[in-house]
Amino acid sequence: NADMGSGSGNDKTEVAAQVASVWLQIKVKNVSLQM
């Protein structure tokens, strides 16, 4: 991320993508723990 300050819309999209990826990792871990 070379341009952190520019483009507030992109920042929101990036944060949403990061949150989604973390949520996915947690969900996968929970599923694998149940198995």
PDB file of N, CA and C in Angstrom:
ATOM      1  N   ASN A   1       0.849  -1.195   0.000  1.00  0.00           N
ATOM      2  CA  ASN A   1       0.000   0.000   0.000  1.00  0.00           C
ATOM      3  C   ASN A   1       0.879   1.238   0.000  1.00  0.00           C
ATOM      4  N   ALA A   2       1.243   1.683  -1.187  1.00  0.00           N
ATOM      5  CA  ALA A   2       2.118   2.844  -1.290  1.00  0.00           C
ATOM      6  C   ALA A   2       1.349   4.116  -0.949  1.00  0.00           C
ATOM      7  N   ASP A   3       0.101   4.220  -1.407  1.00  0.00           N
ATOM      8  CA  ASP A   3      -0.694   5.433  -1.168  1.00  0.00           C
ATOM      9  C   ASP A   3      -1.785   5.141  -0.134  1.00  0.00           C
ATOM     10  N   MET A   4      -1.407   5.339   1.138  1.00  0.00           N
ATOM     11  CA  MET A   4      -2.379   5.062   2.193  1.00  0.00           C
ATOM     12  C   MET A   4      -3.372   6.217   2.319  1.00  0.00           C
ATOM     13  N   GLY A   5      -2.886   7.467   2.176  1.00  0.00           N
ATOM     14  CA  GLY A   5      -3.730   8.631   2.427  1.00  0.00           C
ATOM     15  C   GLY A   5      -4.670   8.939   1.279  1.00  0.00           C
ATOM     16  N   SER A   6      -4.307   8.603   0.052  1.00  0.00           N
ATOM     17  CA  SER A   6      -5.113   9.017  -1.091  1.00  0.00           C
ATOM     18  C   SER A   6      -6.266   8.061  -1.331  1.00  0.00           C
ATOM     19  N   GLY A   7      -7.429   8.608  -1.630  1.00  0.00           N
ATOM     20  CA  GLY A   7      -8.584   7.769  -1.964  1.00  0.00           C
ATOM     21  C   GLY A   7      -9.235   7.180  -0.744  1.00  0.00           C
ATOM     22  N   SER A   8     -10.138   7.911  -0.127  1.00  0.00           N
ATOM     23  CA  SER A   8     -10.802   7.409   1.079  1.00  0.00           C
ATOM     24  C   SER A   8     -11.701   6.226   0.738  1.00  0.00           C
ATOM     25  N   GLY A   9     -12.264   6.213  -0.457  1.00  0.00           N
ATOM     26  CA  GLY A   9     -13.139   5.109  -0.857  1.00  0.00           C
ATOM     27  C   GLY A   9     -12.364   3.811  -0.922  1.00  0.00           C
ATOM     28  N   ASN A  10     -11.139   3.869  -1.477  1.00  0.00           N
ATOM     29  CA  ASN A  10     -10.318   2.668  -1.563  1.00  0.00           C
ATOM     30  C   ASN A  10      -9.947   2.169  -0.166  1.00  0.00           C
ATOM     31  N   ASP A  11      -9.726   3.105   0.749  1.00  0.00           N
ATOM     32  CA  ASP A  11      -9.366   2.698   2.112  1.00  0.00           C
ATOM     33  C   ASP A  11     -10.493   1.886   2.723  1.00  0.00           C
ATOM     34  N   LYS A  12     -11.730   2.357   2.549  1.00  0.00           N
ATOM     35  CA  LYS A  12     -12.865   1.617   3.119  1.00  0.00           C
ATOM     36  C   LYS A  12     -12.950   0.240   2.489  1.00  0.00           C
ATOM     37  N   THR A  13     -12.713   0.157   1.174  1.00  0.00           N
ATOM     38  CA  THR A  13     -12.772  -1.146   0.504  1.00  0.00           C
ATOM     39  C   THR A  13     -11.669  -2.062   1.030  1.00  0.00           C
ATOM     40  N   GLU A  14     -10.486  -1.493   1.236  1.00  0.00           N
ATOM     41  CA  GLU A  14      -9.374  -2.308   1.738  1.00  0.00           C
ATOM     42  C   GLU A  14      -9.677  -2.819   3.136  1.00  0.00           C
ATOM     43  N   VAL A  15     -10.183  -1.956   3.995  1.00  0.00           N
ATOM     44  CA  VAL A  15     -10.514  -2.372   5.368  1.00  0.00           C
ATOM     45  C   VAL A  15     -11.566  -3.465   5.340  1.00  0.00           C
ATOM     46  N   ALA A  16     -12.582  -3.303   4.492  1.00  0.00           N
ATOM     47  CA  ALA A  16     -13.640  -4.315   4.398  1.00  0.00           C
ATOM     48  C   ALA A  16     -13.050  -5.642   3.936  1.00  0.00           C
ATOM     49  N   ALA A  17     -12.126  -5.584   2.979  1.00  0.00           N
ATOM     50  CA  ALA A  17     -11.516  -6.819   2.473  1.00  0.00           C
ATOM     51  C   ALA A  17     -10.687  -7.483   3.569  1.00  0.00           C
ATOM     52  N   GLN A  18      -9.954  -6.681   4.340  1.00  0.00           N
ATOM     53  CA  GLN A  18      -9.138  -7.251   5.418  1.00  0.00           C
ATOM     54  C   GLN A  18     -10.018  -7.891   6.472  1.00  0.00           C
ATOM     55  N   VAL A  19     -11.105  -7.207   6.846  1.00  0.00           N
ATOM     56  CA  VAL A  19     -12.019  -7.753   7.848  1.00  0.00           C
ATOM     57  C   VAL A  19     -12.626  -9.050   7.336  1.00  0.00           C
ATOM     58  N   ALA A  20     -13.007  -9.072   6.058  1.00  0.00           N
ATOM     59  CA  ALA A  20     -13.616 -10.274   5.486  1.00  0.00           C
ATOM     60  C   ALA A  20     -12.618 -11.430   5.496  1.00  0.00           C
ATOM     61  N   SER A  21     -11.371 -11.156   5.170  1.00  0.00           N
ATOM     62  CA  SER A  21     -10.371 -12.232   5.122  1.00  0.00           C
ATOM     63  C   SER A  21     -10.104 -12.770   6.522  1.00  0.00           C
ATOM     64  N   VAL A  22     -10.012 -11.881   7.503  1.00  0.00           N
ATOM     65  CA  VAL A  22      -9.793 -12.326   8.884  1.00  0.00           C
ATOM     66  C   VAL A  22     -10.981 -13.145   9.357  1.00  0.00           C
ATOM     67  N   TRP A  23     -12.185 -12.673   9.045  1.00  0.00           N
ATOM     68  CA  TRP A  23     -13.404 -13.406   9.445  1.00  0.00           C
ATOM     69  C   TRP A  23     -13.424 -14.780   8.802  1.00  0.00           C
ATOM     70  N   LEU A  24     -12.998 -14.842   7.544  1.00  0.00           N
ATOM     71  CA  LEU A  24     -12.964 -16.137   6.854  1.00  0.00           C
ATOM     72  C   LEU A  24     -11.971 -17.076   7.536  1.00  0.00           C
ATOM     73  N   GLN A  25     -10.802 -16.552   7.882  1.00  0.00           N
ATOM     74  CA  GLN A  25      -9.787 -17.397   8.534  1.00  0.00           C
ATOM     75  C   GLN A  25     -10.317 -17.942   9.853  1.00  0.00           C
ATOM     76  N   ILE A  26     -10.976 -17.099  10.642  1.00  0.00           N
ATOM     77  CA  ILE A  26     -11.532 -17.551  11.922  1.00  0.00           C
ATOM     78  C   ILE A  26     -12.592 -18.610  11.686  1.00  0.00           C
ATOM     79  N   LYS A  27     -13.444 -18.386  10.686  1.00  0.00           N
ATOM     80  CA  LYS A  27     -14.508 -19.346  10.405  1.00  0.00           C
ATOM     81  C   LYS A  27     -13.914 -20.682   9.990  1.00  0.00           C
ATOM     82  N   VAL A  28     -12.892 -20.656   9.143  1.00  0.00           N
ATOM     83  CA  VAL A  28     -12.249 -21.900   8.692  1.00  0.00           C
ATOM     84  C   VAL A  28     -11.618 -22.618   9.880  1.00  0.00           C
ATOM     85  N   LYS A  29     -10.970 -21.853  10.773  1.00  0.00           N
ATOM     86  CA  LYS A  29     -10.347 -22.471  11.950  1.00  0.00           C
ATOM     87  C   LYS A  29     -11.406 -23.132  12.817  1.00  0.00           C
ATOM     88  N   ASN A  30     -12.530 -22.451  13.011  1.00  0.00           N
ATOM     89  CA  ASN A  30     -13.597 -23.024  13.838  1.00  0.00           C
ATOM     90  C   ASN A  30     -14.126 -24.301  13.203  1.00  0.00           C
ATOM     91  N   VAL A  31     -14.309 -24.302  11.899  1.00  0.00           N
ATOM     92  CA  VAL A  31     -14.822 -25.493  11.213  1.00  0.00           C
ATOM     93  C   VAL A  31     -13.825 -26.642  11.352  1.00  0.00           C
ATOM     94  N   SER A  32     -12.544 -26.356  11.169  1.00  0.00           N
ATOM     95  CA  SER A  32     -11.534 -27.422  11.254  1.00  0.00           C
ATOM     96  C   SER A  32     -11.430 -27.937  12.687  1.00  0.00           C
ATOM     97  N   LEU A  33     -11.675 -27.063  13.672  1.00  0.00           N
ATOM     98  CA  LEU A  33     -11.636 -27.516  15.063  1.00  0.00           C
ATOM     99  C   LEU A  33     -12.796 -28.459  15.344  1.00  0.00           C
ATOM    100  N   GLN A  34     -13.949 -28.196  14.749  1.00  0.00           N
ATOM    101  CA  GLN A  34     -15.116 -29.043  14.980  1.00  0.00           C
ATOM    102  C   GLN A  34     -14.919 -30.414  14.334  1.00  0.00           C
ATOM    103  N   MET A  35     -14.142 -30.472  13.265  1.00  0.00           N
ATOM    104  CA  MET A  35     -13.904 -31.746  12.595  1.00  0.00           C
ATOM    105  C   MET A  35     -12.801 -32.512  13.319  1.00  0.00           C
TER     106      MET A  35
END
